[in-house]
Amino acid sequence: MSPYHLRKAIDPDIRLVERLRRDDPTGAESLVDVYGGRGYRLALRITGNAADAEEVVQDALLTVVRKIDTFRGEAAFGSWLYRIVANAAYQKAAGQRRRPEASLGEPLSAADPSRQTELRSALTAAVDALPPHYRAAVILRDVEGFSTAAVAATLGLTITNAKGRVHRARLFLRQRLAAVAGA
């Protein structure tokens, strides 16, 4: 039995993959509905620019549709797709460095409004200062809620390397934020 058939039982996206392989028009729509927003958030965190992130996601989703027959099912479909998005975003980020246009998620609730703004700015600056490969790992793990195994699969790393990247990114963020939090 092939890994694809074994994955069929556990990958929730198997129907989506089958529709894409059959060139079913609803497959591409479902792909955008299910993965467009999450892919955009990942691309935005890597590129730091909304327009670049939109371009990356559009290109990546088109690549997924065109290359669906190369998906072997050895990893979850979502991991395969996120790897395509991440790789495209890395390429875009390497060619164009710009300031990010978006903030990091929900407001900080434990501080007064002026302190929230200061902490959010410090966190955004600290995340922006991370090298793209550390930024992607920590965003997938801590913002998107991926397991370490899913981070590893998405970024094409071993689990040990994924843990290391997340750990080093967190240490970097902790050091950057310690000065602001203590102020």
N, C-alpha and C. Protein backbone atom coordinates (compact mmCIF):
# COMPACT_ATOMS: atom_id res chain seq x y z
N MET A 1 0.85 -1.19 0.00
CA MET A 1 0.00 0.00 0.00
C MET A 1 0.89 1.24 0.00
N SER A 2 0.58 2.19 -0.86
CA SER A 2 1.40 3.39 -0.99
C SER A 2 1.15 4.35 0.17
N PRO A 3 2.12 5.25 0.43
CA PRO A 3 1.92 6.24 1.49
C PRO A 3 0.69 7.12 1.22
N TYR A 4 0.39 7.36 -0.06
CA TYR A 4 -0.78 8.17 -0.40
C TYR A 4 -2.05 7.51 0.12
N HIS A 5 -2.16 6.20 -0.08
CA HIS A 5 -3.36 5.50 0.38
C HIS A 5 -3.43 5.45 1.91
N LEU A 6 -2.29 5.32 2.57
CA LEU A 6 -2.29 5.35 4.03
C LEU A 6 -2.72 6.72 4.53
N ARG A 7 -2.26 7.77 3.87
CA ARG A 7 -2.56 9.15 4.26
C ARG A 7 -4.04 9.45 4.06
N LYS A 8 -4.68 8.75 3.09
CA LYS A 8 -6.09 9.01 2.79
C LYS A 8 -6.96 8.98 4.04
N ALA A 9 -6.65 8.04 4.93
CA ALA A 9 -7.49 7.86 6.11
C ALA A 9 -7.31 8.99 7.12
N ILE A 10 -6.17 9.67 7.11
CA ILE A 10 -5.94 10.67 8.14
C ILE A 10 -5.89 12.10 7.62
N ASP A 11 -5.70 12.32 6.35
CA ASP A 11 -5.60 13.69 5.83
C ASP A 11 -7.00 14.22 5.56
N PRO A 12 -7.41 15.26 6.29
CA PRO A 12 -8.76 15.80 6.10
C PRO A 12 -8.94 16.47 4.74
N ASP A 13 -7.84 16.72 4.04
CA ASP A 13 -7.91 17.40 2.75
C ASP A 13 -7.96 16.44 1.57
N ILE A 14 -8.15 15.16 1.81
CA ILE A 14 -8.08 14.19 0.73
C ILE A 14 -9.14 14.45 -0.35
N ARG A 15 -10.32 14.87 0.06
CA ARG A 15 -11.36 15.17 -0.94
C ARG A 15 -10.97 16.38 -1.79
N LEU A 16 -10.36 17.36 -1.13
CA LEU A 16 -9.89 18.54 -1.86
C LEU A 16 -8.82 18.14 -2.87
N VAL A 17 -7.90 17.30 -2.47
CA VAL A 17 -6.83 16.84 -3.37
C VAL A 17 -7.45 16.09 -4.55
N GLU A 18 -8.40 15.25 -4.27
CA GLU A 18 -9.05 14.48 -5.36
C GLU A 18 -9.78 15.40 -6.33
N ARG A 19 -10.47 16.43 -5.80
CA ARG A 19 -11.15 17.39 -6.70
C ARG A 19 -10.14 18.15 -7.55
N LEU A 20 -9.03 18.55 -6.96
CA LEU A 20 -7.99 19.26 -7.72
C LEU A 20 -7.42 18.36 -8.80
N ARG A 21 -7.22 17.11 -8.50
CA ARG A 21 -6.68 16.16 -9.50
C ARG A 21 -7.66 15.90 -10.63
N ARG A 22 -8.94 15.99 -10.35
CA ARG A 22 -9.96 15.79 -11.40
C ARG A 22 -10.26 17.08 -12.16
N ASP A 23 -9.56 18.16 -11.84
CA ASP A 23 -9.82 19.47 -12.44
C ASP A 23 -11.24 19.95 -12.18
N ASP A 24 -11.80 19.57 -11.05
CA ASP A 24 -13.12 20.01 -10.63
C ASP A 24 -13.02 21.51 -10.30
N PRO A 25 -13.85 22.36 -10.92
CA PRO A 25 -13.76 23.80 -10.67
C PRO A 25 -13.97 24.18 -9.21
N THR A 26 -14.71 23.39 -8.46
CA THR A 26 -14.92 23.71 -7.05
C THR A 26 -13.67 23.43 -6.22
N GLY A 27 -12.74 22.64 -6.76
CA GLY A 27 -11.51 22.34 -6.04
C GLY A 27 -10.67 23.59 -5.81
N ALA A 28 -10.49 24.38 -6.85
CA ALA A 28 -9.69 25.60 -6.71
C ALA A 28 -10.36 26.59 -5.77
N GLU A 29 -11.69 26.69 -5.84
CA GLU A 29 -12.41 27.58 -4.93
C GLU A 29 -12.24 27.13 -3.49
N SER A 30 -12.35 25.83 -3.26
CA SER A 30 -12.18 25.30 -1.91
C SER A 30 -10.76 25.51 -1.42
N LEU A 31 -9.80 25.36 -2.32
CA LEU A 31 -8.40 25.58 -1.96
C LEU A 31 -8.21 27.00 -1.43
N VAL A 32 -8.75 27.97 -2.14
CA VAL A 32 -8.65 29.37 -1.71
C VAL A 32 -9.39 29.59 -0.39
N ASP A 33 -10.59 29.02 -0.27
CA ASP A 33 -11.37 29.17 0.96
C ASP A 33 -10.65 28.60 2.17
N VAL A 34 -10.07 27.41 2.02
CA VAL A 34 -9.46 26.72 3.15
C VAL A 34 -8.07 27.26 3.47
N TYR A 35 -7.27 27.53 2.44
CA TYR A 35 -5.86 27.86 2.69
C TYR A 35 -5.45 29.28 2.32
N GLY A 36 -6.31 30.03 1.69
CA GLY A 36 -5.93 31.38 1.28
C GLY A 36 -5.52 32.27 2.43
N GLY A 37 -6.34 32.33 3.47
CA GLY A 37 -6.06 33.20 4.61
C GLY A 37 -4.84 32.76 5.40
N ARG A 38 -4.74 31.46 5.66
CA ARG A 38 -3.60 30.96 6.42
C ARG A 38 -2.30 31.10 5.63
N GLY A 39 -2.37 30.85 4.33
CA GLY A 39 -1.19 31.03 3.49
C GLY A 39 -0.77 32.49 3.44
N TYR A 40 -1.76 33.38 3.39
CA TYR A 40 -1.46 34.81 3.36
C TYR A 40 -0.76 35.24 4.66
N ARG A 41 -1.26 34.79 5.81
CA ARG A 41 -0.63 35.16 7.08
C ARG A 41 0.82 34.69 7.14
N LEU A 42 1.07 33.47 6.67
CA LEU A 42 2.44 32.97 6.66
C LEU A 42 3.30 33.81 5.72
N ALA A 43 2.81 34.07 4.53
CA ALA A 43 3.57 34.85 3.56
C ALA A 43 3.81 36.27 4.07
N LEU A 44 2.83 36.85 4.73
CA LEU A 44 2.98 38.21 5.27
C LEU A 44 4.06 38.25 6.34
N ARG A 45 4.10 37.25 7.20
CA ARG A 45 5.11 37.21 8.26
C ARG A 45 6.52 37.05 7.68
N ILE A 46 6.63 36.36 6.56
CA ILE A 46 7.96 36.14 5.96
C ILE A 46 8.37 37.35 5.13
N THR A 47 7.46 37.85 4.30
CA THR A 47 7.82 38.96 3.41
C THR A 47 7.76 40.30 4.10
N GLY A 48 6.86 40.44 5.09
CA GLY A 48 6.72 41.71 5.78
C GLY A 48 5.97 42.76 4.98
N ASN A 49 5.28 42.36 3.92
CA ASN A 49 4.61 43.31 3.05
C ASN A 49 3.33 42.69 2.52
N ALA A 50 2.20 43.40 2.67
CA ALA A 50 0.90 42.86 2.27
C ALA A 50 0.82 42.56 0.77
N ALA A 51 1.30 43.49 -0.05
CA ALA A 51 1.23 43.28 -1.50
C ALA A 51 2.08 42.08 -1.92
N ASP A 52 3.27 41.97 -1.35
CA ASP A 52 4.12 40.83 -1.66
C ASP A 52 3.48 39.52 -1.20
N ALA A 53 2.87 39.55 -0.02
CA ALA A 53 2.22 38.35 0.52
C ALA A 53 1.07 37.91 -0.38
N GLU A 54 0.27 38.87 -0.85
CA GLU A 54 -0.83 38.53 -1.76
C GLU A 54 -0.30 37.88 -3.03
N GLU A 55 0.75 38.47 -3.58
CA GLU A 55 1.35 37.92 -4.81
C GLU A 55 1.89 36.51 -4.57
N VAL A 56 2.57 36.33 -3.44
CA VAL A 56 3.13 35.03 -3.09
C VAL A 56 2.03 33.98 -2.99
N VAL A 57 0.95 34.31 -2.29
CA VAL A 57 -0.13 33.34 -2.09
C VAL A 57 -0.82 33.01 -3.42
N GLN A 58 -1.07 34.01 -4.23
CA GLN A 58 -1.68 33.75 -5.53
C GLN A 58 -0.81 32.82 -6.37
N ASP A 59 0.49 33.13 -6.41
CA ASP A 59 1.40 32.28 -7.17
C ASP A 59 1.48 30.87 -6.60
N ALA A 60 1.54 30.78 -5.26
CA ALA A 60 1.64 29.47 -4.62
C ALA A 60 0.39 28.63 -4.85
N LEU A 61 -0.79 29.24 -4.73
CA LEU A 61 -2.03 28.48 -4.96
C LEU A 61 -2.13 28.03 -6.41
N LEU A 62 -1.72 28.88 -7.33
CA LEU A 62 -1.70 28.49 -8.74
C LEU A 62 -0.72 27.34 -8.96
N THR A 63 0.42 27.40 -8.31
CA THR A 63 1.40 26.31 -8.40
C THR A 63 0.81 25.02 -7.86
N VAL A 64 0.10 25.09 -6.75
CA VAL A 64 -0.53 23.90 -6.17
C VAL A 64 -1.51 23.28 -7.16
N VAL A 65 -2.34 24.12 -7.78
CA VAL A 65 -3.32 23.60 -8.74
C VAL A 65 -2.61 22.95 -9.93
N ARG A 66 -1.59 23.62 -10.45
CA ARG A 66 -0.88 23.09 -11.63
C ARG A 66 -0.07 21.85 -11.30
N LYS A 67 0.47 21.76 -10.09
CA LYS A 67 1.38 20.67 -9.74
C LYS A 67 0.76 19.64 -8.79
N ILE A 68 -0.55 19.60 -8.71
CA ILE A 68 -1.21 18.70 -7.76
C ILE A 68 -0.82 17.24 -8.00
N ASP A 69 -0.51 16.88 -9.23
CA ASP A 69 -0.13 15.50 -9.51
C ASP A 69 1.23 15.13 -8.91
N THR A 70 2.01 16.13 -8.49
CA THR A 70 3.29 15.83 -7.85
C THR A 70 3.15 15.61 -6.35
N PHE A 71 1.95 15.90 -5.81
CA PHE A 71 1.70 15.65 -4.38
C PHE A 71 1.59 14.15 -4.18
N ARG A 72 2.53 13.59 -3.40
CA ARG A 72 2.59 12.15 -3.20
C ARG A 72 1.84 11.69 -1.96
N GLY A 73 1.46 12.60 -1.10
CA GLY A 73 0.72 12.21 0.10
C GLY A 73 1.59 11.68 1.22
N GLU A 74 2.92 11.89 1.12
CA GLU A 74 3.80 11.41 2.18
C GLU A 74 3.70 12.29 3.42
N ALA A 75 3.28 13.52 3.24
CA ALA A 75 3.01 14.44 4.35
C ALA A 75 1.59 14.95 4.15
N ALA A 76 1.07 15.65 5.12
CA ALA A 76 -0.27 16.20 4.98
C ALA A 76 -0.28 17.23 3.84
N PHE A 77 -1.39 17.31 3.16
CA PHE A 77 -1.53 18.26 2.06
C PHE A 77 -1.23 19.68 2.52
N GLY A 78 -1.75 20.06 3.69
CA GLY A 78 -1.52 21.41 4.22
C GLY A 78 -0.04 21.70 4.41
N SER A 79 0.71 20.71 4.87
CA SER A 79 2.16 20.90 5.04
C SER A 79 2.84 21.12 3.70
N TRP A 80 2.43 20.36 2.70
CA TRP A 80 2.99 20.50 1.36
C TRP A 80 2.69 21.90 0.82
N LEU A 81 1.45 22.34 0.97
CA LEU A 81 1.06 23.66 0.50
C LEU A 81 1.82 24.76 1.24
N TYR A 82 1.94 24.66 2.56
CA TYR A 82 2.65 25.68 3.33
C TYR A 82 4.12 25.73 2.95
N ARG A 83 4.70 24.60 2.60
CA ARG A 83 6.09 24.61 2.15
C ARG A 83 6.22 25.40 0.85
N ILE A 84 5.26 25.23 -0.05
CA ILE A 84 5.28 25.98 -1.30
C ILE A 84 5.14 27.47 -1.02
N VAL A 85 4.21 27.83 -0.14
CA VAL A 85 4.03 29.25 0.22
C VAL A 85 5.29 29.80 0.87
N ALA A 86 5.84 29.07 1.83
CA ALA A 86 7.03 29.54 2.54
C ALA A 86 8.21 29.73 1.59
N ASN A 87 8.43 28.77 0.70
CA ASN A 87 9.54 28.89 -0.24
C ASN A 87 9.36 30.10 -1.16
N ALA A 88 8.15 30.31 -1.64
CA ALA A 88 7.89 31.47 -2.50
C ALA A 88 8.08 32.77 -1.72
N ALA A 89 7.66 32.78 -0.48
CA ALA A 89 7.80 33.98 0.34
C ALA A 89 9.28 34.25 0.65
N TYR A 90 10.05 33.20 0.92
CA TYR A 90 11.49 33.39 1.15
C TYR A 90 12.14 34.03 -0.07
N GLN A 91 11.78 33.53 -1.25
CA GLN A 91 12.36 34.09 -2.49
C GLN A 91 11.97 35.55 -2.64
N LYS A 92 10.73 35.87 -2.38
CA LYS A 92 10.26 37.25 -2.49
C LYS A 92 10.96 38.13 -1.46
N ALA A 93 11.06 37.64 -0.23
CA ALA A 93 11.69 38.42 0.84
C ALA A 93 13.17 38.66 0.56
N ALA A 94 13.81 37.70 -0.03
CA ALA A 94 15.23 37.86 -0.33
C ALA A 94 15.46 38.96 -1.36
N GLY A 95 14.50 39.15 -2.25
CA GLY A 95 14.64 40.15 -3.29
C GLY A 95 14.14 41.53 -2.91
N GLN A 96 13.24 41.60 -1.93
CA GLN A 96 12.63 42.88 -1.59
C GLN A 96 12.43 42.98 -0.09
N ARG A 97 13.16 43.84 0.58
CA ARG A 97 12.99 44.07 2.01
C ARG A 97 12.19 45.34 2.21
N ARG A 98 11.00 45.20 2.83
CA ARG A 98 10.15 46.36 3.12
C ARG A 98 9.61 46.25 4.52
N ARG A 99 9.06 47.33 5.04
CA ARG A 99 8.43 47.35 6.36
C ARG A 99 7.09 46.62 6.30
N PRO A 100 6.75 45.88 7.32
CA PRO A 100 5.45 45.23 7.35
C PRO A 100 4.31 46.24 7.50
N GLU A 101 3.16 45.84 6.97
CA GLU A 101 1.99 46.71 7.02
C GLU A 101 0.95 46.21 8.01
N ALA A 102 1.19 45.07 8.64
CA ALA A 102 0.18 44.50 9.53
C ALA A 102 0.77 44.26 10.91
N SER A 103 -0.11 44.22 11.90
CA SER A 103 0.32 43.96 13.26
C SER A 103 0.19 42.49 13.56
N LEU A 104 0.54 42.11 14.76
CA LEU A 104 0.54 40.71 15.16
C LEU A 104 -0.70 40.32 15.96
N GLY A 105 -1.77 40.01 15.32
CA GLY A 105 -2.90 39.41 16.00
C GLY A 105 -3.68 40.30 16.93
N GLU A 106 -4.22 39.69 17.97
CA GLU A 106 -5.13 40.34 18.90
C GLU A 106 -4.41 41.29 19.86
N PRO A 107 -5.13 42.26 20.42
CA PRO A 107 -4.52 43.21 21.35
C PRO A 107 -4.02 42.53 22.62
N LEU A 108 -3.03 43.12 23.20
CA LEU A 108 -2.52 42.63 24.47
C LEU A 108 -3.48 43.11 25.56
N SER A 109 -4.00 42.20 26.36
CA SER A 109 -5.08 42.59 27.28
C SER A 109 -4.60 42.96 28.68
N ALA A 110 -3.37 42.62 29.06
CA ALA A 110 -2.96 42.82 30.44
C ALA A 110 -2.42 44.22 30.72
N ALA A 111 -2.23 45.04 29.70
CA ALA A 111 -1.61 46.35 29.91
C ALA A 111 -2.57 47.46 29.55
N ASP A 112 -2.25 48.67 30.01
CA ASP A 112 -3.08 49.81 29.64
C ASP A 112 -2.85 50.11 28.15
N PRO A 113 -3.75 50.86 27.52
CA PRO A 113 -3.68 51.07 26.08
C PRO A 113 -2.35 51.63 25.57
N SER A 114 -1.77 52.58 26.29
CA SER A 114 -0.49 53.13 25.82
C SER A 114 0.62 52.08 25.91
N ARG A 115 0.57 51.27 26.94
CA ARG A 115 1.56 50.19 27.10
C ARG A 115 1.34 49.12 26.04
N GLN A 116 0.07 48.83 25.71
CA GLN A 116 -0.23 47.86 24.66
C GLN A 116 0.41 48.26 23.35
N THR A 117 0.28 49.53 23.01
CA THR A 117 0.85 50.03 21.77
C THR A 117 2.36 49.87 21.77
N GLU A 118 2.98 50.22 22.88
CA GLU A 118 4.43 50.10 23.00
C GLU A 118 4.88 48.64 22.88
N LEU A 119 4.18 47.74 23.58
CA LEU A 119 4.54 46.32 23.53
C LEU A 119 4.30 45.74 22.14
N ARG A 120 3.19 46.10 21.50
CA ARG A 120 2.89 45.61 20.16
C ARG A 120 3.98 46.06 19.19
N SER A 121 4.38 47.32 19.29
CA SER A 121 5.43 47.83 18.41
C SER A 121 6.74 47.09 18.63
N ALA A 122 7.07 46.85 19.90
CA ALA A 122 8.30 46.13 20.21
C ALA A 122 8.24 44.69 19.71
N LEU A 123 7.10 44.05 19.87
CA LEU A 123 6.95 42.68 19.39
C LEU A 123 7.03 42.62 17.87
N THR A 124 6.35 43.54 17.20
CA THR A 124 6.39 43.58 15.74
C THR A 124 7.82 43.81 15.26
N ALA A 125 8.52 44.74 15.89
CA ALA A 125 9.91 45.02 15.50
C ALA A 125 10.80 43.80 15.75
N ALA A 126 10.58 43.13 16.87
CA ALA A 126 11.39 41.95 17.18
C ALA A 126 11.14 40.82 16.18
N VAL A 127 9.88 40.59 15.83
CA VAL A 127 9.56 39.55 14.84
C VAL A 127 10.14 39.94 13.48
N ASP A 128 10.03 41.20 13.12
CA ASP A 128 10.58 41.68 11.85
C ASP A 128 12.09 41.51 11.78
N ALA A 129 12.76 41.61 12.93
CA ALA A 129 14.22 41.51 12.96
C ALA A 129 14.70 40.06 12.86
N LEU A 130 13.81 39.11 13.05
CA LEU A 130 14.21 37.71 12.93
C LEU A 130 14.58 37.40 11.48
N PRO A 131 15.58 36.55 11.26
CA PRO A 131 15.82 36.06 9.90
C PRO A 131 14.58 35.31 9.41
N PRO A 132 14.28 35.35 8.11
CA PRO A 132 13.04 34.73 7.61
C PRO A 132 12.84 33.28 8.02
N HIS A 133 13.90 32.47 8.07
CA HIS A 133 13.71 31.06 8.42
C HIS A 133 13.32 30.88 9.89
N TYR A 134 13.80 31.75 10.79
CA TYR A 134 13.36 31.71 12.18
C TYR A 134 11.95 32.28 12.30
N ARG A 135 11.68 33.35 11.58
CA ARG A 135 10.36 34.00 11.63
C ARG A 135 9.28 33.01 11.20
N ALA A 136 9.51 32.30 10.10
CA ALA A 136 8.51 31.34 9.63
C ALA A 136 8.25 30.25 10.67
N ALA A 137 9.31 29.73 11.28
CA ALA A 137 9.15 28.65 12.26
C ALA A 137 8.35 29.11 13.47
N VAL A 138 8.68 30.28 14.01
CA VAL A 138 7.99 30.74 15.22
C VAL A 138 6.55 31.17 14.90
N ILE A 139 6.31 31.73 13.73
CA ILE A 139 4.94 32.11 13.36
C ILE A 139 4.08 30.86 13.20
N LEU A 140 4.61 29.85 12.50
CA LEU A 140 3.83 28.61 12.34
C LEU A 140 3.53 27.97 13.69
N ARG A 141 4.52 27.95 14.57
CA ARG A 141 4.35 27.26 15.85
C ARG A 141 3.50 28.06 16.83
N ASP A 142 3.82 29.34 17.01
CA ASP A 142 3.21 30.12 18.09
C ASP A 142 2.01 30.95 17.67
N VAL A 143 1.93 31.34 16.42
CA VAL A 143 0.79 32.13 15.97
C VAL A 143 -0.26 31.22 15.32
N GLU A 144 0.20 30.37 14.41
CA GLU A 144 -0.73 29.49 13.70
C GLU A 144 -1.08 28.23 14.51
N GLY A 145 -0.29 27.92 15.54
CA GLY A 145 -0.61 26.78 16.40
C GLY A 145 -0.22 25.43 15.84
N PHE A 146 0.70 25.39 14.89
CA PHE A 146 1.14 24.11 14.33
C PHE A 146 1.91 23.32 15.38
N SER A 147 1.86 22.01 15.29
CA SER A 147 2.72 21.17 16.11
C SER A 147 4.14 21.29 15.58
N THR A 148 5.10 20.87 16.38
CA THR A 148 6.49 20.92 15.93
C THR A 148 6.67 20.02 14.70
N ALA A 149 6.01 18.89 14.69
CA ALA A 149 6.11 17.99 13.52
C ALA A 149 5.54 18.66 12.27
N ALA A 150 4.45 19.39 12.43
CA ALA A 150 3.86 20.08 11.27
C ALA A 150 4.76 21.23 10.81
N VAL A 151 5.39 21.92 11.74
CA VAL A 151 6.36 22.97 11.37
C VAL A 151 7.49 22.34 10.57
N ALA A 152 8.01 21.23 11.06
CA ALA A 152 9.10 20.54 10.38
C ALA A 152 8.69 20.12 8.97
N ALA A 153 7.52 19.52 8.85
CA ALA A 153 7.05 19.07 7.53
C ALA A 153 6.83 20.25 6.60
N THR A 154 6.25 21.31 7.11
CA THR A 154 5.96 22.49 6.29
C THR A 154 7.22 23.15 5.76
N LEU A 155 8.23 23.23 6.61
CA LEU A 155 9.46 23.92 6.22
C LEU A 155 10.53 22.98 5.67
N GLY A 156 10.21 21.69 5.58
CA GLY A 156 11.16 20.73 5.04
C GLY A 156 12.35 20.49 5.94
N LEU A 157 12.11 20.45 7.25
CA LEU A 157 13.16 20.28 8.24
C LEU A 157 12.96 18.98 9.01
N THR A 158 13.99 18.58 9.73
CA THR A 158 13.79 17.51 10.70
C THR A 158 13.08 18.13 11.91
N ILE A 159 12.49 17.29 12.73
CA ILE A 159 11.81 17.80 13.92
C ILE A 159 12.82 18.49 14.83
N THR A 160 14.01 17.93 14.93
CA THR A 160 15.05 18.54 15.77
C THR A 160 15.40 19.94 15.27
N ASN A 161 15.56 20.09 13.96
CA ASN A 161 15.88 21.41 13.41
C ASN A 161 14.72 22.39 13.60
N ALA A 162 13.49 21.91 13.46
CA ALA A 162 12.34 22.78 13.67
C ALA A 162 12.29 23.25 15.13
N LYS A 163 12.52 22.33 16.06
CA LYS A 163 12.55 22.71 17.48
C LYS A 163 13.64 23.75 17.73
N GLY A 164 14.79 23.54 17.12
CA GLY A 164 15.90 24.48 17.29
C GLY A 164 15.57 25.86 16.77
N ARG A 165 14.95 25.92 15.61
CA ARG A 165 14.59 27.23 15.04
C ARG A 165 13.58 27.95 15.90
N VAL A 166 12.56 27.23 16.35
CA VAL A 166 11.55 27.85 17.21
C VAL A 166 12.19 28.32 18.51
N HIS A 167 13.03 27.48 19.08
CA HIS A 167 13.70 27.84 20.34
C HIS A 167 14.56 29.08 20.17
N ARG A 168 15.40 29.11 19.13
CA ARG A 168 16.27 30.27 18.92
C ARG A 168 15.45 31.52 18.63
N ALA A 169 14.37 31.38 17.88
CA ALA A 169 13.51 32.54 17.61
C ALA A 169 12.89 33.06 18.90
N ARG A 170 12.41 32.17 19.75
CA ARG A 170 11.83 32.59 21.02
C ARG A 170 12.86 33.27 21.91
N LEU A 171 14.07 32.74 21.95
CA LEU A 171 15.13 33.38 22.74
C LEU A 171 15.41 34.79 22.24
N PHE A 172 15.50 34.92 20.94
CA PHE A 172 15.74 36.23 20.35
C PHE A 172 14.62 37.20 20.72
N LEU A 173 13.37 36.74 20.59
CA LEU A 173 12.22 37.59 20.92
C LEU A 173 12.22 37.94 22.40
N ARG A 174 12.52 36.98 23.25
CA ARG A 174 12.55 37.22 24.70
C ARG A 174 13.59 38.29 25.04
N GLN A 175 14.77 38.19 24.44
CA GLN A 175 15.82 39.17 24.70
C GLN A 175 15.39 40.56 24.24
N ARG A 176 14.79 40.63 23.06
CA ARG A 176 14.36 41.93 22.53
C ARG A 176 13.26 42.54 23.37
N LEU A 177 12.36 41.71 23.86
CA LEU A 177 11.21 42.22 24.61
C LEU A 177 11.54 42.49 26.09
N ALA A 178 12.58 41.88 26.61
CA ALA A 178 12.93 42.07 28.02
C ALA A 178 13.21 43.53 28.34
N ALA A 179 13.89 44.20 27.44
CA ALA A 179 14.21 45.61 27.67
C ALA A 179 12.95 46.46 27.70
N VAL A 180 12.01 46.17 26.81
CA VAL A 180 10.77 46.95 26.75
C VAL A 180 9.87 46.64 27.94
N ALA A 181 9.75 45.36 28.29
CA ALA A 181 8.89 44.96 29.39
C ALA A 181 9.39 45.49 30.73
N GLY A 182 10.70 45.62 30.87
CA GLY A 182 11.27 46.11 32.12
C GLY A 182 11.22 47.62 32.23
N ALA A 183 10.95 48.30 31.12
CA ALA A 183 10.96 49.76 31.14
C ALA A 183 9.75 50.34 31.81
